[in-house]
Each structure stands twice: as structure tokens, then as C-alpha cells.
Amino acid sequence: MREFDSVAAAVLGDAPAGGADGPVAEPMARIGAAVKQGRLEEASELAEQAVAESAATLGDEHPDVLHLRELTAYIAYLATDPLRSFHLSLDLARIRHRLGDPRGAYGNVQSAAAAWRAVREPVQGLDLGRDLIAVWSELAAQDGPAADDLDQLEKARSRMGRLAERARKATGERPAVQ
């Protein structure tokens, strides 16, 4: 799974964590230990606290803060909170896109897409999918990994059609699809 690979690798010890020697090293170690031991509620609380503290000292868009936010989205995904994971990941994609980081933005879009696929309610999936596809399309319109991987965007658009059909059956009406 490409979506949360870099975050998972950092948490599980397969890759260096962002800020491994910096101000977020100690919180990252505690969060990683909680995730490894399956204490996801504790990990989520630790991650939220680390994001707040790091953002206050380093700034909201510091690389270490963005990495902690990615970790928070990953923990939400593991804890079967796809809505939270989706919103965190899509917000990160927007930030990274604005900062001129197409690879990071696309990785966050992929994470948002993974969370979106975990949403089972079709009308909600349509609403989230519209936001996802809007950001994804913006990324794909420029040079970078999103433009090089258009088949994934097309798969997301196809899922929107299936969600629209499921929503129509569930509600008896035809929702708009973008």
C-alpha cells in the first residue's frame, strides 16, 4: 500500500522518522511505541499533543509538524476513523501543494484516497470524493507524480460512479457526480 508507506516505515522502524534528531524525536519515539503496541487511543492523544506543541514552537508548516500531522492521519486510519484520516491527509495535500512539494502532496492524496475507500456510507463517500478529486485533479494538472499516475485518478472517478449508483439506490434519488 503506497498510501501511508513512508509514515508506517518511520513508525515501525524501517526508515528514519522526520526530525529523528530534532525537537520531535522524543514524542515520535513515544508515539511509535504506542502504535507498535496497539495503543492507538494513546498514540492519537500523544500525536495531537505533539502537533500542538511543535506547531506552537516551529510553526504550522514546519516539516516536522507536517510529519507529525501525517502520523496523526495514519493513526486515525489504523484506529478505523477514516473521516478524520481523510480530512487530515487532504489538508496536508493542500498545504504541501501550496508549498511546492508535488511528491509530498501526492503522497498525502494517496493517503486521503485510502481513507476515502474505507468510508462505507455512499452519500458521505460522494461528498468526500468530490473534495478528493478536486485536489487530485489540481495536482495532476501540473508536472509531478500525480500527472504521471493518471490511472489512479481515473479509478477514483470510477468509484464516484459506483458510489453515485449506491447512493441513488439508498436514497431513491440521483445525486450529482463530478
C-alpha atoms as a PDB file:
ATOM      1  CA  MET A   1       0.000   0.000   0.000  1.00  0.00           C
ATOM      2  CA  ARG A   2       1.558   3.292  -1.130  1.00  0.00           C
ATOM      3  CA  GLU A   3      -0.750   5.486   0.867  1.00  0.00           C
ATOM      4  CA  PHE A   4       0.816   5.535   4.311  1.00  0.00           C
ATOM      5  CA  ASP A   5       4.042   3.689   3.469  1.00  0.00           C
ATOM      6  CA  SER A   6       6.531   6.371   4.488  1.00  0.00           C
ATOM      7  CA  VAL A   7       4.714   7.075   7.744  1.00  0.00           C
ATOM      8  CA  ALA A   8       4.381   3.381   8.561  1.00  0.00           C
ATOM      9  CA  ALA A   9       8.037   2.784   7.765  1.00  0.00           C
ATOM     10  CA  ALA A  10       9.082   5.583  10.106  1.00  0.00           C
ATOM     11  CA  VAL A  11       6.800   4.414  12.916  1.00  0.00           C
ATOM     12  CA  LEU A  12       7.720   0.761  12.593  1.00  0.00           C
ATOM     13  CA  GLY A  13      11.438   1.486  12.367  1.00  0.00           C
ATOM     14  CA  ASP A  14      12.026   0.694   8.685  1.00  0.00           C
ATOM     15  CA  ALA A  15      13.008   4.275   7.824  1.00  0.00           C
ATOM     16  CA  PRO A  16      14.240   7.299   9.712  1.00  0.00           C
ATOM     17  CA  ALA A  17      11.455   9.398  11.167  1.00  0.00           C
ATOM     18  CA  GLY A  18      11.252  13.053  10.246  1.00  0.00           C
ATOM     19  CA  GLY A  19      13.085  15.048  12.848  1.00  0.00           C
ATOM     20  CA  ALA A  20      14.774  11.942  14.280  1.00  0.00           C
ATOM     21  CA  ASP A  21      17.471  14.123  15.810  1.00  0.00           C
ATOM     22  CA  GLY A  22      15.369  17.241  16.265  1.00  0.00           C
ATOM     23  CA  PRO A  23      12.761  18.563  18.654  1.00  0.00           C
ATOM     24  CA  VAL A  24      10.165  15.940  17.755  1.00  0.00           C
ATOM     25  CA  ALA A  25      12.411  12.902  18.266  1.00  0.00           C
ATOM     26  CA  GLU A  26      11.210  12.104  21.768  1.00  0.00           C
ATOM     27  CA  PRO A  27       7.468  12.492  21.033  1.00  0.00           C
ATOM     28  CA  MET A  28       7.909  10.454  17.831  1.00  0.00           C
ATOM     29  CA  ALA A  29       9.516   7.639  19.825  1.00  0.00           C
ATOM     30  CA  ARG A  30       6.663   7.605  22.354  1.00  0.00           C
ATOM     31  CA  ILE A  31       4.024   7.727  19.621  1.00  0.00           C
ATOM     32  CA  GLY A  32       5.772   4.988  17.663  1.00  0.00           C
ATOM     33  CA  ALA A  33       5.963   2.763  20.727  1.00  0.00           C
ATOM     34  CA  ALA A  34       2.255   3.231  21.409  1.00  0.00           C
ATOM     35  CA  VAL A  35       1.381   2.381  17.783  1.00  0.00           C
ATOM     36  CA  LYS A  36       3.611  -0.706  17.785  1.00  0.00           C
ATOM     37  CA  GLN A  37       1.924  -1.907  20.968  1.00  0.00           C
ATOM     38  CA  GLY A  38      -1.560  -1.295  19.549  1.00  0.00           C
ATOM     39  CA  ARG A  39      -2.392   1.507  21.977  1.00  0.00           C
ATOM     40  CA  LEU A  40      -3.972   3.633  19.265  1.00  0.00           C
ATOM     41  CA  GLU A  41      -6.035   5.901  21.502  1.00  0.00           C
ATOM     42  CA  GLU A  42      -2.939   6.799  23.487  1.00  0.00           C
ATOM     43  CA  ALA A  43      -0.928   7.213  20.278  1.00  0.00           C
ATOM     44  CA  SER A  44      -3.592   9.541  18.903  1.00  0.00           C
ATOM     45  CA  GLU A  45      -3.555  11.682  22.054  1.00  0.00           C
ATOM     46  CA  LEU A  46       0.242  11.822  22.048  1.00  0.00           C
ATOM     47  CA  ALA A  47       0.280  12.785  18.371  1.00  0.00           C
ATOM     48  CA  GLU A  48      -2.297  15.540  18.856  1.00  0.00           C
ATOM     49  CA  GLN A  49      -0.302  16.937  21.765  1.00  0.00           C
ATOM     50  CA  ALA A  50       2.957  16.749  19.800  1.00  0.00           C
ATOM     51  CA  VAL A  51       1.387  18.539  16.827  1.00  0.00           C
ATOM     52  CA  ALA A  52       0.065  21.336  19.034  1.00  0.00           C
ATOM     53  CA  GLU A  53       3.342  21.792  20.915  1.00  0.00           C
ATOM     54  CA  SER A  54       5.530  21.564  17.811  1.00  0.00           C
ATOM     55  CA  ALA A  55       3.329  23.912  15.786  1.00  0.00           C
ATOM     56  CA  ALA A  56       3.496  26.465  18.613  1.00  0.00           C
ATOM     57  CA  THR A  57       7.306  26.446  18.602  1.00  0.00           C
ATOM     58  CA  LEU A  58       8.195  25.552  14.997  1.00  0.00           C
ATOM     59  CA  GLY A  59       5.212  26.868  13.037  1.00  0.00           C
ATOM     60  CA  ASP A  60       2.282  25.109  11.384  1.00  0.00           C
ATOM     61  CA  GLU A  61       4.138  24.339   8.148  1.00  0.00           C
ATOM     62  CA  HIS A  62       7.480  23.189   9.529  1.00  0.00           C
ATOM     63  CA  PRO A  63       8.461  19.798   8.033  1.00  0.00           C
ATOM     64  CA  ASP A  64       8.471  18.118  11.455  1.00  0.00           C
ATOM     65  CA  VAL A  65       4.975  19.422  12.197  1.00  0.00           C
ATOM     66  CA  LEU A  66       3.732  18.199   8.815  1.00  0.00           C
ATOM     67  CA  HIS A  67       5.280  14.804   9.525  1.00  0.00           C
ATOM     68  CA  LEU A  68       3.552  14.653  12.910  1.00  0.00           C
ATOM     69  CA  ARG A  69       0.263  15.532  11.207  1.00  0.00           C
ATOM     70  CA  GLU A  70       0.832  12.692   8.729  1.00  0.00           C
ATOM     71  CA  LEU A  71       1.411  10.400  11.668  1.00  0.00           C
ATOM     72  CA  THR A  72      -1.839  11.603  13.239  1.00  0.00           C
ATOM     73  CA  ALA A  73      -3.694  10.794   9.998  1.00  0.00           C
ATOM     74  CA  TYR A  74      -2.080   7.351   9.881  1.00  0.00           C
ATOM     75  CA  ILE A  75      -3.086   6.615  13.471  1.00  0.00           C
ATOM     76  CA  ALA A  76      -6.671   7.678  12.683  1.00  0.00           C
ATOM     77  CA  TYR A  77      -6.617   5.291   9.722  1.00  0.00           C
ATOM     78  CA  LEU A  78      -5.337   2.441  11.896  1.00  0.00           C
ATOM     79  CA  ALA A  79      -7.979   3.256  14.510  1.00  0.00           C
ATOM     80  CA  THR A  80     -10.687   2.937  11.838  1.00  0.00           C
ATOM     81  CA  ASP A  81     -11.538   6.630  11.827  1.00  0.00           C
ATOM     82  CA  PRO A  82     -11.462   7.149   8.056  1.00  0.00           C
ATOM     83  CA  LEU A  83     -13.164  10.553   8.193  1.00  0.00           C
ATOM     84  CA  ARG A  84     -10.505  12.043  10.440  1.00  0.00           C
ATOM     85  CA  SER A  85      -7.740  10.393   8.457  1.00  0.00           C
ATOM     86  CA  PHE A  86      -9.235  11.657   5.196  1.00  0.00           C
ATOM     87  CA  HIS A  87      -9.561  15.262   6.340  1.00  0.00           C
ATOM     88  CA  LEU A  88      -6.077  15.366   7.879  1.00  0.00           C
ATOM     89  CA  SER A  89      -4.499  13.829   4.778  1.00  0.00           C
ATOM     90  CA  LEU A  90      -6.341  16.048   2.315  1.00  0.00           C
ATOM     91  CA  ASP A  91      -5.456  19.167   4.323  1.00  0.00           C
ATOM     92  CA  LEU A  92      -1.817  18.080   4.223  1.00  0.00           C
ATOM     93  CA  ALA A  93      -2.023  17.567   0.460  1.00  0.00           C
ATOM     94  CA  ARG A  94      -3.291  21.125   0.039  1.00  0.00           C
ATOM     95  CA  ILE A  95      -0.525  22.513   2.256  1.00  0.00           C
ATOM     96  CA  ARG A  96       2.225  20.570   0.514  1.00  0.00           C
ATOM     97  CA  HIS A  97       0.867  21.566  -2.891  1.00  0.00           C
ATOM     98  CA  ARG A  98       0.886  25.214  -1.850  1.00  0.00           C
ATOM     99  CA  LEU A  99       4.452  24.786  -0.554  1.00  0.00           C
ATOM    100  CA  GLY A 100       5.576  23.395  -3.921  1.00  0.00           C
ATOM    101  CA  ASP A 101       6.082  19.782  -2.799  1.00  0.00           C
ATOM    102  CA  PRO A 102       4.356  17.689  -5.503  1.00  0.00           C
ATOM    103  CA  ARG A 103       5.694  14.354  -4.218  1.00  0.00           C
ATOM    104  CA  GLY A 104       4.565  15.040  -0.650  1.00  0.00           C
ATOM    105  CA  ALA A 105       1.214  16.382  -1.848  1.00  0.00           C
ATOM    106  CA  TYR A 106       0.604  13.296  -3.953  1.00  0.00           C
ATOM    107  CA  GLY A 107       1.553  11.004  -1.083  1.00  0.00           C
ATOM    108  CA  ASN A 108      -0.992  12.789   1.088  1.00  0.00           C
ATOM    109  CA  VAL A 109      -3.627  12.496  -1.677  1.00  0.00           C
ATOM    110  CA  GLN A 110      -2.927   8.764  -1.794  1.00  0.00           C
ATOM    111  CA  SER A 111      -3.399   8.580   1.989  1.00  0.00           C
ATOM    112  CA  ALA A 112      -6.661  10.530   1.718  1.00  0.00           C
ATOM    113  CA  ALA A 113      -7.778   8.132  -1.019  1.00  0.00           C
ATOM    114  CA  ALA A 114      -7.081   5.129   1.217  1.00  0.00           C
ATOM    115  CA  ALA A 115      -9.176   6.667   3.987  1.00  0.00           C
ATOM    116  CA  TRP A 116     -11.905   7.585   1.475  1.00  0.00           C
ATOM    117  CA  ARG A 117     -12.116   3.977   0.285  1.00  0.00           C
ATOM    118  CA  ALA A 118     -12.760   2.956   3.913  1.00  0.00           C
ATOM    119  CA  VAL A 119     -15.874   5.175   4.107  1.00  0.00           C
ATOM    120  CA  ARG A 120     -18.851   2.881   3.585  1.00  0.00           C
ATOM    121  CA  GLU A 121     -21.738   5.367   3.503  1.00  0.00           C
ATOM    122  CA  PRO A 122     -22.239   6.208  -0.204  1.00  0.00           C
ATOM    123  CA  VAL A 123     -23.582   9.772   0.129  1.00  0.00           C
ATOM    124  CA  GLN A 124     -20.768  10.668   2.506  1.00  0.00           C
ATOM    125  CA  GLY A 125     -18.311   8.977   0.149  1.00  0.00           C
ATOM    126  CA  LEU A 126     -19.588  11.127  -2.708  1.00  0.00           C
ATOM    127  CA  ASP A 127     -19.125  14.315  -0.716  1.00  0.00           C
ATOM    128  CA  LEU A 128     -15.601  13.378   0.320  1.00  0.00           C
ATOM    129  CA  GLY A 129     -14.798  12.111  -3.160  1.00  0.00           C
ATOM    130  CA  ARG A 130     -15.664  15.446  -4.722  1.00  0.00           C
ATOM    131  CA  ASP A 131     -13.125  17.178  -2.480  1.00  0.00           C
ATOM    132  CA  LEU A 132     -10.524  14.481  -3.085  1.00  0.00           C
ATOM    133  CA  ILE A 133     -10.895  14.553  -6.859  1.00  0.00           C
ATOM    134  CA  ALA A 134     -10.747  18.355  -6.931  1.00  0.00           C
ATOM    135  CA  VAL A 135      -7.384  18.393  -5.127  1.00  0.00           C
ATOM    136  CA  TRP A 136      -6.122  15.360  -7.044  1.00  0.00           C
ATOM    137  CA  SER A 137      -7.061  16.924 -10.390  1.00  0.00           C
ATOM    138  CA  GLU A 138      -5.240  20.108  -9.455  1.00  0.00           C
ATOM    139  CA  LEU A 139      -2.114  18.079  -8.691  1.00  0.00           C
ATOM    140  CA  ALA A 140      -2.459  16.055 -11.892  1.00  0.00           C
ATOM    141  CA  ALA A 141      -2.673  19.238 -13.970  1.00  0.00           C
ATOM    142  CA  GLN A 142       0.947  20.039 -13.097  1.00  0.00           C
ATOM    143  CA  ASP A 143       4.202  18.144 -13.537  1.00  0.00           C
ATOM    144  CA  GLY A 144       4.853  15.598 -10.847  1.00  0.00           C
ATOM    145  CA  PRO A 145       3.862  12.153  -9.623  1.00  0.00           C
ATOM    146  CA  ALA A 146       0.103  12.814  -9.815  1.00  0.00           C
ATOM    147  CA  ALA A 147       0.409  13.672 -13.504  1.00  0.00           C
ATOM    148  CA  ASP A 148       2.475  10.514 -14.037  1.00  0.00           C
ATOM    149  CA  ASP A 149      -0.162   8.300 -12.375  1.00  0.00           C
ATOM    150  CA  LEU A 150      -3.452   9.329 -14.003  1.00  0.00           C
ATOM    151  CA  ASP A 151      -4.862   5.798 -13.881  1.00  0.00           C
ATOM    152  CA  GLN A 152      -5.267   6.144 -10.112  1.00  0.00           C
ATOM    153  CA  LEU A 153      -7.275   9.341 -10.574  1.00  0.00           C
ATOM    154  CA  GLU A 154      -9.456   7.577 -13.137  1.00  0.00           C
ATOM    155  CA  LYS A 155     -10.047   4.731 -10.670  1.00  0.00           C
ATOM    156  CA  ALA A 156     -11.205   7.290  -8.110  1.00  0.00           C
ATOM    157  CA  ARG A 157     -13.571   8.819 -10.664  1.00  0.00           C
ATOM    158  CA  SER A 158     -14.923   5.344 -11.438  1.00  0.00           C
ATOM    159  CA  ARG A 159     -15.526   4.779  -7.743  1.00  0.00           C
ATOM    160  CA  MET A 160     -17.531   8.005  -7.708  1.00  0.00           C
ATOM    161  CA  GLY A 161     -19.840   6.491 -10.328  1.00  0.00           C
ATOM    162  CA  ARG A 162     -20.323   3.370  -8.233  1.00  0.00           C
ATOM    163  CA  LEU A 163     -20.940   5.480  -5.123  1.00  0.00           C
ATOM    164  CA  ALA A 164     -23.500   7.549  -7.018  1.00  0.00           C
ATOM    165  CA  GLU A 165     -25.355   4.390  -8.004  1.00  0.00           C
ATOM    166  CA  ARG A 166     -25.283   3.053  -4.437  1.00  0.00           C
ATOM    167  CA  ALA A 167     -26.442   6.428  -3.100  1.00  0.00           C
ATOM    168  CA  ARG A 168     -29.265   6.530  -5.638  1.00  0.00           C
ATOM    169  CA  LYS A 169     -30.441   3.091  -4.540  1.00  0.00           C
ATOM    170  CA  ALA A 170     -30.151   4.034  -0.867  1.00  0.00           C
ATOM    171  CA  THR A 171     -31.966   7.358  -1.140  1.00  0.00           C
ATOM    172  CA  GLY A 172     -34.150   6.825  -4.181  1.00  0.00           C
ATOM    173  CA  GLU A 173     -32.738   9.879  -5.932  1.00  0.00           C
ATOM    174  CA  ARG A 174     -29.869  10.602  -8.305  1.00  0.00           C
ATOM    175  CA  PRO A 175     -27.026  12.551  -6.656  1.00  0.00           C
ATOM    176  CA  ALA A 176     -24.792  14.687  -8.853  1.00  0.00           C
ATOM    177  CA  VAL A 177     -21.356  13.304  -9.706  1.00  0.00           C
ATOM    178  CA  GLN A 178     -18.439  15.485 -10.766  1.00  0.00           C
END
